[in-house]
Amino acid sequence: VNEATGLQDSTFLNAVVK
């Protein structure tokens, strides 16, 4: 669960930064 959440968070942050 932690890994999945972290991955989603990373993708979301990446989209926000871009």
PDB file of N, CA and C in Angstrom:
ATOM      1  N   VAL A   1       0.857  -1.209   0.000  1.00  0.00           N
ATOM      2  CA  VAL A   1       0.000   0.000   0.000  1.00  0.00           C
ATOM      3  C   VAL A   1       0.882   1.244   0.000  1.00  0.00           C
ATOM      4  N   ASN A   2       1.918   1.231   0.827  1.00  0.00           N
ATOM      5  CA  ASN A   2       2.806   2.395   0.907  1.00  0.00           C
ATOM      6  C   ASN A   2       3.476   2.642  -0.441  1.00  0.00           C
ATOM      7  N   GLU A   3       3.925   1.556  -1.060  1.00  0.00           N
ATOM      8  CA  GLU A   3       4.609   1.709  -2.357  1.00  0.00           C
ATOM      9  C   GLU A   3       3.667   2.296  -3.390  1.00  0.00           C
ATOM     10  N   ALA A   4       2.455   1.768  -3.444  1.00  0.00           N
ATOM     11  CA  ALA A   4       1.468   2.255  -4.425  1.00  0.00           C
ATOM     12  C   ALA A   4       1.172   3.723  -4.172  1.00  0.00           C
ATOM     13  N   THR A   5       0.983   4.086  -2.906  1.00  0.00           N
ATOM     14  CA  THR A   5       0.666   5.482  -2.576  1.00  0.00           C
ATOM     15  C   THR A   5       1.842   6.386  -2.955  1.00  0.00           C
ATOM     16  N   GLY A   6       3.037   5.950  -2.655  1.00  0.00           N
ATOM     17  CA  GLY A   6       4.217   6.752  -2.981  1.00  0.00           C
ATOM     18  C   GLY A   6       4.345   6.946  -4.479  1.00  0.00           C
ATOM     19  N   LEU A   7       4.090   5.869  -5.231  1.00  0.00           N
ATOM     20  CA  LEU A   7       4.200   5.968  -6.685  1.00  0.00           C
ATOM     21  C   LEU A   7       3.177   6.962  -7.218  1.00  0.00           C
ATOM     22  N   GLN A   8       1.937   6.858  -6.725  1.00  0.00           N
ATOM     23  CA  GLN A   8       0.884   7.769  -7.187  1.00  0.00           C
ATOM     24  C   GLN A   8       1.253   9.197  -6.803  1.00  0.00           C
ATOM     25  N   ASP A   9       1.772   9.369  -5.598  1.00  0.00           N
ATOM     26  CA  ASP A   9       2.157  10.712  -5.141  1.00  0.00           C
ATOM     27  C   ASP A   9       3.238  11.287  -6.058  1.00  0.00           C
ATOM     28  N   SER A  10       4.206  10.453  -6.404  1.00  0.00           N
ATOM     29  CA  SER A  10       5.297  10.913  -7.266  1.00  0.00           C
ATOM     30  C   SER A  10       4.750  11.354  -8.616  1.00  0.00           C
ATOM     31  N   THR A  11       3.858  10.537  -9.171  1.00  0.00           N
ATOM     32  CA  THR A  11       3.287  10.869 -10.487  1.00  0.00           C
ATOM     33  C   THR A  11       2.495  12.156 -10.396  1.00  0.00           C
ATOM     34  N   PHE A  12       1.717  12.292  -9.328  1.00  0.00           N
ATOM     35  CA  PHE A  12       0.893  13.497  -9.163  1.00  0.00           C
ATOM     36  C   PHE A  12       1.785  14.731  -9.024  1.00  0.00           C
ATOM     37  N   LEU A  13       2.805  14.620  -8.198  1.00  0.00           N
ATOM     38  CA  LEU A  13       3.711  15.759  -8.001  1.00  0.00           C
ATOM     39  C   LEU A  13       4.417  16.091  -9.312  1.00  0.00           C
ATOM     40  N   ASN A  14       4.807  15.060 -10.045  1.00  0.00           N
ATOM     41  CA  ASN A  14       5.481  15.274 -11.330  1.00  0.00           C
ATOM     42  C   ASN A  14       4.571  16.055 -12.268  1.00  0.00           C
ATOM     43  N   ALA A  15       3.306  15.690 -12.308  1.00  0.00           N
ATOM     44  CA  ALA A  15       2.349  16.371 -13.192  1.00  0.00           C
ATOM     45  C   ALA A  15       2.171  17.814 -12.738  1.00  0.00           C
ATOM     46  N   VAL A  16       2.119  18.026 -11.442  1.00  0.00           N
ATOM     47  CA  VAL A  16       1.923  19.387 -10.914  1.00  0.00           C
ATOM     48  C   VAL A  16       3.139  20.256 -11.252  1.00  0.00           C
ATOM     49  N   VAL A  17       4.335  19.699 -11.077  1.00  0.00           N
ATOM     50  CA  VAL A  17       5.557  20.461 -11.348  1.00  0.00           C
ATOM     51  C   VAL A  17       5.616  20.840 -12.826  1.00  0.00           C
ATOM     52  N   LYS A  18       5.227  19.912 -13.682  1.00  0.00           N
ATOM     53  CA  LYS A  18       5.283  20.165 -15.127  1.00  0.00           C
ATOM     54  C   LYS A  18       4.084  21.007 -15.519  1.00  0.00           C
TER      55      LYS A  18
END
